[in-house]
Amino acid sequence: MRKSRARSPFFLPAIEARTPAVWQPQVDIYHAREGWVVKMDLAGVRPQDVSITVRGSQLRVSGVRHDRIVEEGWSHYAMEIAYNHFERTIELPCDLERARITVEDREGMLLLRVTAREEADHV
């Protein structure tokens, strides 16, 4: 399911009073025929808890992952999964403010498809 910038819950206003990021999600970046694909590991993060901002050639993804599975009476024995605020900034060799960006949430992976306007005009 593709989501455009205008309709996507991922494109939320940036939070001005930002909390420092506790963790950074892992990212794979692919150069494709139509532009760029950024794949980010955001398992357990709800779309409404993600914010995507663009400035020049930088793409910033931030948000929060909550531990929503803990039930009353549970106590931590070991914890390896990072929770709380996250942020990751990626720089791509194109003007992202003029690019077309679509967003997809696929099985815990956030997929950002970036097509630079110059590339889009020649397709």
N, C-alpha and C. Protein backbone atom coordinates (compact mmCIF):
# COMPACT_ATOMS: atom_id res chain seq x y z
N MET A 1 0.84 -1.17 0.00
CA MET A 1 0.00 0.00 0.00
C MET A 1 0.89 1.23 0.00
N ARG A 2 0.82 2.03 -1.04
CA ARG A 2 1.60 3.26 -1.14
C ARG A 2 0.87 4.41 -0.49
N LYS A 3 1.64 5.30 0.09
CA LYS A 3 1.06 6.47 0.73
C LYS A 3 1.80 7.70 0.23
N SER A 4 1.08 8.70 -0.17
CA SER A 4 1.72 9.92 -0.64
C SER A 4 2.00 10.84 0.54
N ARG A 5 2.83 11.84 0.31
CA ARG A 5 3.21 12.77 1.35
C ARG A 5 1.99 13.48 1.92
N ALA A 6 1.04 13.86 1.08
CA ALA A 6 -0.11 14.64 1.52
C ALA A 6 -1.05 13.83 2.41
N ARG A 7 -1.17 12.54 2.18
CA ARG A 7 -2.15 11.74 2.90
C ARG A 7 -1.55 10.82 3.96
N SER A 8 -0.26 10.75 4.04
CA SER A 8 0.38 9.78 4.91
C SER A 8 0.37 10.21 6.38
N PRO A 9 0.04 9.28 7.28
CA PRO A 9 0.15 9.61 8.70
C PRO A 9 1.60 9.76 9.13
N PHE A 10 2.55 9.34 8.28
CA PHE A 10 3.96 9.46 8.62
C PHE A 10 4.45 10.90 8.54
N PHE A 11 3.79 11.74 7.74
CA PHE A 11 4.22 13.12 7.60
C PHE A 11 3.45 13.97 8.59
N LEU A 12 3.91 13.97 9.82
CA LEU A 12 3.29 14.73 10.90
C LEU A 12 4.15 15.96 11.18
N PRO A 13 3.58 16.99 11.78
CA PRO A 13 4.38 18.17 12.12
C PRO A 13 5.53 17.79 13.05
N ALA A 14 6.66 18.42 12.85
CA ALA A 14 7.81 18.17 13.71
C ALA A 14 7.50 18.67 15.12
N ILE A 15 7.95 17.95 16.10
CA ILE A 15 7.73 18.33 17.48
C ILE A 15 8.82 19.35 17.85
N GLU A 16 8.41 20.55 18.23
CA GLU A 16 9.36 21.61 18.53
C GLU A 16 10.16 21.31 19.80
N ALA A 17 9.48 20.93 20.88
CA ALA A 17 10.16 20.60 22.12
C ALA A 17 10.58 19.14 22.04
N ARG A 18 11.65 18.88 21.31
CA ARG A 18 12.06 17.52 21.04
C ARG A 18 12.74 16.89 22.25
N THR A 19 12.49 15.62 22.42
CA THR A 19 13.17 14.82 23.42
C THR A 19 14.37 14.18 22.73
N PRO A 20 15.52 14.17 23.38
CA PRO A 20 16.69 13.56 22.73
C PRO A 20 16.43 12.11 22.34
N ALA A 21 16.96 11.73 21.19
CA ALA A 21 16.79 10.36 20.70
C ALA A 21 17.57 9.39 21.58
N VAL A 22 16.93 8.27 21.89
CA VAL A 22 17.56 7.24 22.71
C VAL A 22 18.20 6.18 21.81
N TRP A 23 17.62 5.96 20.64
CA TRP A 23 18.14 4.94 19.73
C TRP A 23 17.97 5.37 18.29
N GLN A 24 18.71 4.74 17.40
CA GLN A 24 18.62 4.99 15.97
C GLN A 24 18.25 3.70 15.26
N PRO A 25 17.17 3.74 14.46
CA PRO A 25 16.79 2.53 13.72
C PRO A 25 17.81 2.22 12.63
N GLN A 26 17.95 0.94 12.32
CA GLN A 26 18.84 0.52 11.25
C GLN A 26 18.21 0.83 9.90
N VAL A 27 19.05 1.14 8.91
CA VAL A 27 18.58 1.60 7.61
C VAL A 27 19.33 0.88 6.50
N ASP A 28 18.60 0.51 5.44
CA ASP A 28 19.19 0.07 4.18
C ASP A 28 18.78 1.09 3.13
N ILE A 29 19.71 1.50 2.27
CA ILE A 29 19.42 2.47 1.22
C ILE A 29 19.78 1.83 -0.11
N TYR A 30 18.82 1.88 -1.03
CA TYR A 30 19.01 1.30 -2.36
C TYR A 30 18.89 2.40 -3.42
N HIS A 31 19.75 2.34 -4.42
CA HIS A 31 19.59 3.20 -5.59
C HIS A 31 18.85 2.38 -6.63
N ALA A 32 17.68 2.85 -7.01
CA ALA A 32 16.84 2.12 -7.97
C ALA A 32 16.74 2.91 -9.27
N ARG A 33 16.21 2.29 -10.28
CA ARG A 33 16.06 2.94 -11.57
C ARG A 33 15.24 4.22 -11.46
N GLU A 34 14.20 4.19 -10.62
CA GLU A 34 13.32 5.35 -10.48
C GLU A 34 13.78 6.35 -9.43
N GLY A 35 14.84 6.06 -8.68
CA GLY A 35 15.33 6.98 -7.66
C GLY A 35 15.98 6.24 -6.51
N TRP A 36 15.49 6.47 -5.30
CA TRP A 36 16.06 5.89 -4.09
C TRP A 36 14.98 5.19 -3.28
N VAL A 37 15.37 4.13 -2.59
CA VAL A 37 14.49 3.45 -1.65
C VAL A 37 15.22 3.38 -0.32
N VAL A 38 14.58 3.92 0.71
CA VAL A 38 15.14 3.88 2.07
C VAL A 38 14.25 2.92 2.86
N LYS A 39 14.88 1.89 3.42
CA LYS A 39 14.15 0.89 4.21
C LYS A 39 14.64 1.00 5.65
N MET A 40 13.71 1.25 6.57
CA MET A 40 14.07 1.48 7.96
C MET A 40 13.35 0.47 8.84
N ASP A 41 14.08 -0.14 9.77
CA ASP A 41 13.54 -1.15 10.67
C ASP A 41 12.82 -0.46 11.83
N LEU A 42 11.49 -0.44 11.78
CA LEU A 42 10.68 0.20 12.82
C LEU A 42 9.63 -0.78 13.37
N ALA A 43 10.05 -2.01 13.62
CA ALA A 43 9.13 -3.01 14.18
C ALA A 43 8.56 -2.51 15.49
N GLY A 44 7.25 -2.64 15.65
CA GLY A 44 6.59 -2.25 16.88
C GLY A 44 6.26 -0.77 16.99
N VAL A 45 6.56 0.01 15.95
CA VAL A 45 6.27 1.45 15.97
C VAL A 45 5.00 1.69 15.15
N ARG A 46 4.03 2.37 15.75
CA ARG A 46 2.78 2.68 15.05
C ARG A 46 3.00 3.86 14.10
N PRO A 47 2.36 3.85 12.92
CA PRO A 47 2.52 4.95 11.97
C PRO A 47 2.25 6.33 12.58
N GLN A 48 1.29 6.43 13.47
CA GLN A 48 0.97 7.73 14.07
C GLN A 48 2.06 8.21 15.04
N ASP A 49 3.02 7.35 15.36
CA ASP A 49 4.12 7.73 16.25
C ASP A 49 5.40 8.07 15.49
N VAL A 50 5.29 8.24 14.16
CA VAL A 50 6.45 8.54 13.31
C VAL A 50 6.27 9.90 12.65
N SER A 51 7.37 10.66 12.59
CA SER A 51 7.38 11.95 11.92
C SER A 51 8.50 11.94 10.89
N ILE A 52 8.21 12.43 9.69
CA ILE A 52 9.21 12.51 8.62
C ILE A 52 9.30 13.96 8.18
N THR A 53 10.52 14.49 8.20
CA THR A 53 10.75 15.84 7.73
C THR A 53 11.86 15.85 6.70
N VAL A 54 11.78 16.82 5.80
CA VAL A 54 12.74 16.94 4.71
C VAL A 54 13.34 18.33 4.75
N ARG A 55 14.66 18.40 4.60
CA ARG A 55 15.35 19.69 4.49
C ARG A 55 16.53 19.51 3.55
N GLY A 56 16.42 20.15 2.39
CA GLY A 56 17.50 20.03 1.39
C GLY A 56 17.65 18.60 0.94
N SER A 57 18.83 18.03 1.18
CA SER A 57 19.10 16.64 0.79
C SER A 57 18.99 15.69 1.98
N GLN A 58 18.48 16.20 3.11
CA GLN A 58 18.37 15.37 4.31
C GLN A 58 16.93 14.94 4.58
N LEU A 59 16.82 13.69 4.96
CA LEU A 59 15.53 13.08 5.30
C LEU A 59 15.64 12.67 6.77
N ARG A 60 14.77 13.22 7.62
CA ARG A 60 14.82 12.93 9.06
C ARG A 60 13.57 12.16 9.45
N VAL A 61 13.78 10.99 10.05
CA VAL A 61 12.69 10.16 10.56
C VAL A 61 12.85 10.09 12.07
N SER A 62 11.79 10.46 12.79
CA SER A 62 11.85 10.43 14.24
C SER A 62 10.51 9.95 14.79
N GLY A 63 10.52 9.60 16.05
CA GLY A 63 9.28 9.13 16.67
C GLY A 63 9.56 8.45 17.98
N VAL A 64 8.64 7.55 18.34
CA VAL A 64 8.77 6.86 19.62
C VAL A 64 8.24 5.43 19.49
N ARG A 65 8.93 4.51 20.15
CA ARG A 65 8.44 3.13 20.24
C ARG A 65 8.15 2.85 21.71
N HIS A 66 6.92 2.43 21.98
CA HIS A 66 6.49 2.10 23.34
C HIS A 66 6.45 0.58 23.49
N ASP A 67 6.69 0.13 24.70
CA ASP A 67 6.54 -1.29 25.02
C ASP A 67 5.09 -1.52 25.40
N ARG A 68 4.26 -1.86 24.43
CA ARG A 68 2.82 -2.00 24.64
C ARG A 68 2.41 -3.44 24.99
N ILE A 69 3.35 -4.35 25.05
CA ILE A 69 3.03 -5.75 25.26
C ILE A 69 3.10 -6.14 26.74
N VAL A 70 3.71 -5.31 27.57
CA VAL A 70 3.88 -5.64 28.98
C VAL A 70 2.52 -5.69 29.67
N GLU A 71 2.29 -6.75 30.42
CA GLU A 71 1.03 -6.93 31.16
C GLU A 71 1.29 -6.75 32.65
N GLU A 72 0.24 -6.48 33.37
CA GLU A 72 0.34 -6.29 34.82
C GLU A 72 0.93 -7.54 35.46
N GLY A 73 1.84 -7.33 36.37
CA GLY A 73 2.47 -8.44 37.07
C GLY A 73 3.78 -8.89 36.44
N TRP A 74 4.11 -8.41 35.25
CA TRP A 74 5.36 -8.77 34.61
C TRP A 74 6.48 -7.90 35.19
N SER A 75 7.66 -8.48 35.31
CA SER A 75 8.85 -7.69 35.68
C SER A 75 9.95 -8.04 34.69
N HIS A 76 10.81 -7.08 34.41
CA HIS A 76 11.87 -7.27 33.41
C HIS A 76 12.93 -8.23 33.92
N TYR A 77 13.29 -9.16 33.10
CA TYR A 77 14.40 -10.08 33.39
C TYR A 77 15.59 -9.70 32.51
N ALA A 78 15.33 -9.50 31.22
CA ALA A 78 16.35 -9.05 30.27
C ALA A 78 15.64 -8.24 29.20
N MET A 79 16.28 -7.17 28.74
CA MET A 79 15.68 -6.32 27.70
C MET A 79 16.75 -5.96 26.67
N GLU A 80 16.50 -6.33 25.42
CA GLU A 80 17.41 -5.98 24.33
C GLU A 80 16.77 -5.06 23.31
N ILE A 81 15.45 -4.97 23.32
CA ILE A 81 14.75 -4.12 22.35
C ILE A 81 14.77 -2.68 22.85
N ALA A 82 15.13 -1.75 21.96
CA ALA A 82 15.19 -0.34 22.32
C ALA A 82 13.79 0.27 22.25
N TYR A 83 13.43 0.99 23.31
CA TYR A 83 12.16 1.70 23.36
C TYR A 83 12.47 3.17 23.62
N ASN A 84 11.47 4.01 23.48
CA ASN A 84 11.55 5.43 23.73
C ASN A 84 11.77 6.18 22.42
N HIS A 85 12.29 7.37 22.49
CA HIS A 85 12.42 8.22 21.31
C HIS A 85 13.55 7.76 20.40
N PHE A 86 13.32 7.87 19.09
CA PHE A 86 14.35 7.56 18.10
C PHE A 86 14.42 8.67 17.08
N GLU A 87 15.55 8.72 16.40
CA GLU A 87 15.74 9.67 15.32
C GLU A 87 16.85 9.17 14.42
N ARG A 88 16.65 9.35 13.12
CA ARG A 88 17.67 8.97 12.14
C ARG A 88 17.61 9.98 11.00
N THR A 89 18.74 10.56 10.66
CA THR A 89 18.82 11.50 9.54
C THR A 89 19.68 10.87 8.46
N ILE A 90 19.16 10.90 7.24
CA ILE A 90 19.83 10.30 6.08
C ILE A 90 20.06 11.39 5.05
N GLU A 91 21.22 11.42 4.47
CA GLU A 91 21.52 12.37 3.41
C GLU A 91 21.58 11.62 2.08
N LEU A 92 20.81 12.10 1.11
CA LEU A 92 20.82 11.50 -0.22
C LEU A 92 21.33 12.53 -1.23
N PRO A 93 21.94 12.09 -2.32
CA PRO A 93 22.51 13.02 -3.30
C PRO A 93 21.45 13.60 -4.26
N CYS A 94 20.39 14.16 -3.70
CA CYS A 94 19.37 14.82 -4.52
C CYS A 94 18.62 15.82 -3.65
N ASP A 95 17.92 16.74 -4.28
CA ASP A 95 17.13 17.74 -3.56
C ASP A 95 15.81 17.10 -3.17
N LEU A 96 15.68 16.73 -1.91
CA LEU A 96 14.49 16.03 -1.45
C LEU A 96 13.27 16.93 -1.35
N GLU A 97 13.48 18.23 -1.21
CA GLU A 97 12.35 19.14 -1.12
C GLU A 97 11.58 19.22 -2.44
N ARG A 98 12.25 18.89 -3.54
CA ARG A 98 11.60 18.89 -4.85
C ARG A 98 11.24 17.47 -5.29
N ALA A 99 11.56 16.48 -4.49
CA ALA A 99 11.33 15.08 -4.85
C ALA A 99 9.92 14.63 -4.50
N ARG A 100 9.50 13.58 -5.17
CA ARG A 100 8.24 12.91 -4.82
C ARG A 100 8.62 11.77 -3.87
N ILE A 101 7.96 11.74 -2.70
CA ILE A 101 8.27 10.73 -1.69
C ILE A 101 6.98 9.99 -1.34
N THR A 102 7.03 8.67 -1.46
CA THR A 102 5.90 7.85 -1.03
C THR A 102 6.36 7.02 0.16
N VAL A 103 5.42 6.72 1.04
CA VAL A 103 5.72 6.03 2.29
C VAL A 103 4.85 4.78 2.39
N GLU A 104 5.48 3.70 2.84
CA GLU A 104 4.76 2.45 3.01
C GLU A 104 5.23 1.78 4.29
N ASP A 105 4.30 1.24 5.05
CA ASP A 105 4.61 0.47 6.25
C ASP A 105 4.39 -0.99 5.89
N ARG A 106 5.47 -1.76 5.83
CA ARG A 106 5.36 -3.16 5.41
C ARG A 106 6.00 -4.08 6.45
N GLU A 107 5.16 -4.75 7.23
CA GLU A 107 5.61 -5.75 8.20
C GLU A 107 6.73 -5.23 9.10
N GLY A 108 6.54 -4.04 9.66
CA GLY A 108 7.53 -3.47 10.57
C GLY A 108 8.65 -2.71 9.90
N MET A 109 8.64 -2.66 8.59
CA MET A 109 9.65 -1.89 7.85
C MET A 109 8.98 -0.65 7.27
N LEU A 110 9.63 0.48 7.43
CA LEU A 110 9.17 1.71 6.81
C LEU A 110 9.92 1.85 5.49
N LEU A 111 9.18 1.91 4.38
CA LEU A 111 9.78 2.08 3.06
C LEU A 111 9.49 3.48 2.56
N LEU A 112 10.54 4.22 2.24
CA LEU A 112 10.41 5.56 1.66
C LEU A 112 10.95 5.48 0.23
N ARG A 113 10.09 5.75 -0.73
CA ARG A 113 10.51 5.74 -2.14
C ARG A 113 10.66 7.19 -2.58
N VAL A 114 11.87 7.54 -2.99
CA VAL A 114 12.20 8.91 -3.34
C VAL A 114 12.48 9.00 -4.83
N THR A 115 11.70 9.81 -5.53
CA THR A 115 11.93 10.04 -6.94
C THR A 115 12.20 11.52 -7.13
N ALA A 116 13.43 11.86 -7.52
CA ALA A 116 13.79 13.26 -7.74
C ALA A 116 12.99 13.78 -8.93
N ARG A 117 12.59 15.02 -8.89
CA ARG A 117 11.77 15.60 -9.95
C ARG A 117 12.44 15.48 -11.31
N GLU A 118 13.75 15.67 -11.37
CA GLU A 118 14.45 15.54 -12.66
C GLU A 118 14.29 14.12 -13.21
N GLU A 119 14.41 13.11 -12.31
CA GLU A 119 14.25 11.72 -12.73
C GLU A 119 12.80 11.45 -13.09
N ALA A 120 11.85 12.01 -12.34
CA ALA A 120 10.44 11.78 -12.60
C ALA A 120 10.02 12.38 -13.94
N ASP A 121 10.62 13.53 -14.32
CA ASP A 121 10.26 14.18 -15.57
C ASP A 121 10.73 13.40 -16.80
N HIS A 122 11.78 12.56 -16.63
CA HIS A 122 12.32 11.83 -17.77
C HIS A 122 11.74 10.43 -17.93
N VAL A 123 10.90 9.99 -16.99
CA VAL A 123 10.34 8.63 -17.03
C VAL A 123 9.24 8.55 -18.07
